[in-house]
Structure formats: C-alpha cells, structure tokens
Amino acid sequence: MKQPEYTEGPRATENFEEGMKSLFNVSKEAIVKAEKKKQKRRASSRAESVRKPHFSDKD
C-alpha cells in the first residue's frame, strides 16, 4: 500500500477511509449507506448547535 500524502486534516481522513475500504473489501452499497448515515448525524448535530433556547427554558 502506498504512503498517504497527508497526515492531518480532512485529506488524511479521506486517505484513511479509502485505505480501510480497500483493506476490508467493503461493498459499495455498504459504503454509500454508511456515508448517508454519517451525513444525517452531522446535519442533526449542526441543527442542535444552532437551535436557540426558548423563553420557557429560562428560570
């Protein structure tokens, strides 16, 4: 396996994921399903961080 070009940041994550996919011979359907699930989790965590407190939340 060739040495990854980047060791930090988003590109390093992509390199790691690509390496794992090739190492474990994961089917493309499983990869797509996992990536969609990952995107949903990211979107829901963003929505929670953006949500403003309601007046009823204050004491």
C-alpha atoms as a PDB file:
ATOM      1  CA  MET A   1       0.000   0.000   0.000  1.00  0.00           C
ATOM      2  CA  LYS A   2       1.380   3.417  -0.868  1.00  0.00           C
ATOM      3  CA  GLN A   3       2.171   6.020   1.765  1.00  0.00           C
ATOM      4  CA  PRO A   4      -0.611   8.612   2.276  1.00  0.00           C
ATOM      5  CA  GLU A   5       0.177  12.120   1.082  1.00  0.00           C
ATOM      6  CA  TYR A   6      -1.371  13.919   4.058  1.00  0.00           C
ATOM      7  CA  THR A   7      -1.172  13.093   7.747  1.00  0.00           C
ATOM      8  CA  GLU A   8      -3.530  15.732   9.184  1.00  0.00           C
ATOM      9  CA  GLY A   9      -6.861  17.300   8.345  1.00  0.00           C
ATOM     10  CA  PRO A  10      -9.732  16.274   6.069  1.00  0.00           C
ATOM     11  CA  ARG A  11      -7.485  14.801   3.382  1.00  0.00           C
ATOM     12  CA  ALA A  12      -5.931  12.466   5.958  1.00  0.00           C
ATOM     13  CA  THR A  13      -9.415  11.278   6.904  1.00  0.00           C
ATOM     14  CA  GLU A  14     -10.208  10.584   3.254  1.00  0.00           C
ATOM     15  CA  ASN A  15      -6.950   8.656   2.841  1.00  0.00           C
ATOM     16  CA  PHE A  16      -7.700   6.596   5.937  1.00  0.00           C
ATOM     17  CA  GLU A  17     -11.246   5.805   4.771  1.00  0.00           C
ATOM     18  CA  GLU A  18     -10.023   4.812   1.300  1.00  0.00           C
ATOM     19  CA  GLY A  19      -7.408   2.545   2.854  1.00  0.00           C
ATOM     20  CA  MET A  20      -9.954   0.846   5.087  1.00  0.00           C
ATOM     21  CA  LYS A  21     -12.338   0.337   2.168  1.00  0.00           C
ATOM     22  CA  SER A  22      -9.652  -1.370   0.100  1.00  0.00           C
ATOM     23  CA  LEU A  23      -8.250  -3.334   3.043  1.00  0.00           C
ATOM     24  CA  PHE A  24     -11.574  -4.861   4.095  1.00  0.00           C
ATOM     25  CA  ASN A  25     -13.116  -5.133   0.592  1.00  0.00           C
ATOM     26  CA  VAL A  26     -16.352  -3.474   1.671  1.00  0.00           C
ATOM     27  CA  SER A  27     -19.199  -3.443  -0.860  1.00  0.00           C
ATOM     28  CA  LYS A  28     -20.090  -0.116  -2.482  1.00  0.00           C
ATOM     29  CA  GLU A  29     -23.667  -0.366  -1.150  1.00  0.00           C
ATOM     30  CA  ALA A  30     -22.411  -0.613   2.430  1.00  0.00           C
ATOM     31  CA  ILE A  31     -20.105   2.359   1.900  1.00  0.00           C
ATOM     32  CA  VAL A  32     -22.911   4.521   0.484  1.00  0.00           C
ATOM     33  CA  LYS A  33     -25.235   3.529   3.334  1.00  0.00           C
ATOM     34  CA  ALA A  34     -22.606   4.392   5.963  1.00  0.00           C
ATOM     35  CA  GLU A  35     -21.815   7.741   4.323  1.00  0.00           C
ATOM     36  CA  LYS A  36     -25.511   8.708   4.238  1.00  0.00           C
ATOM     37  CA  LYS A  37     -25.829   7.809   7.910  1.00  0.00           C
ATOM     38  CA  LYS A  38     -22.743   9.913   8.679  1.00  0.00           C
ATOM     39  CA  GLN A  39     -24.231  12.909   6.821  1.00  0.00           C
ATOM     40  CA  LYS A  40     -27.502  12.607   8.752  1.00  0.00           C
ATOM     41  CA  ARG A  41     -25.639  12.599  12.067  1.00  0.00           C
ATOM     42  CA  ARG A  42     -23.659  15.678  11.035  1.00  0.00           C
ATOM     43  CA  ALA A  43     -26.811  17.519   9.986  1.00  0.00           C
ATOM     44  CA  SER A  44     -28.626  16.702  13.226  1.00  0.00           C
ATOM     45  CA  SER A  45     -25.667  17.774  15.368  1.00  0.00           C
ATOM     46  CA  ARG A  46     -25.468  21.068  13.450  1.00  0.00           C
ATOM     47  CA  ALA A  47     -29.185  21.643  13.955  1.00  0.00           C
ATOM     48  CA  GLU A  48     -28.834  21.113  17.707  1.00  0.00           C
ATOM     49  CA  SER A  49     -25.956  23.564  17.982  1.00  0.00           C
ATOM     50  CA  VAL A  50     -27.848  26.239  16.028  1.00  0.00           C
ATOM     51  CA  ARG A  51     -31.139  25.837  17.912  1.00  0.00           C
ATOM     52  CA  LYS A  52     -31.907  28.821  20.118  1.00  0.00           C
ATOM     53  CA  PRO A  53     -33.285  28.409  23.653  1.00  0.00           C
ATOM     54  CA  HIS A  54     -36.980  29.100  24.135  1.00  0.00           C
ATOM     55  CA  PHE A  55     -38.393  31.522  26.680  1.00  0.00           C
ATOM     56  CA  SER A  56     -39.794  28.572  28.639  1.00  0.00           C
ATOM     57  CA  ASP A  57     -36.237  27.228  29.103  1.00  0.00           C
ATOM     58  CA  LYS A  58     -35.312  30.149  31.380  1.00  0.00           C
ATOM     59  CA  ASP A  59     -35.968  30.070  35.134  1.00  0.00           C
END
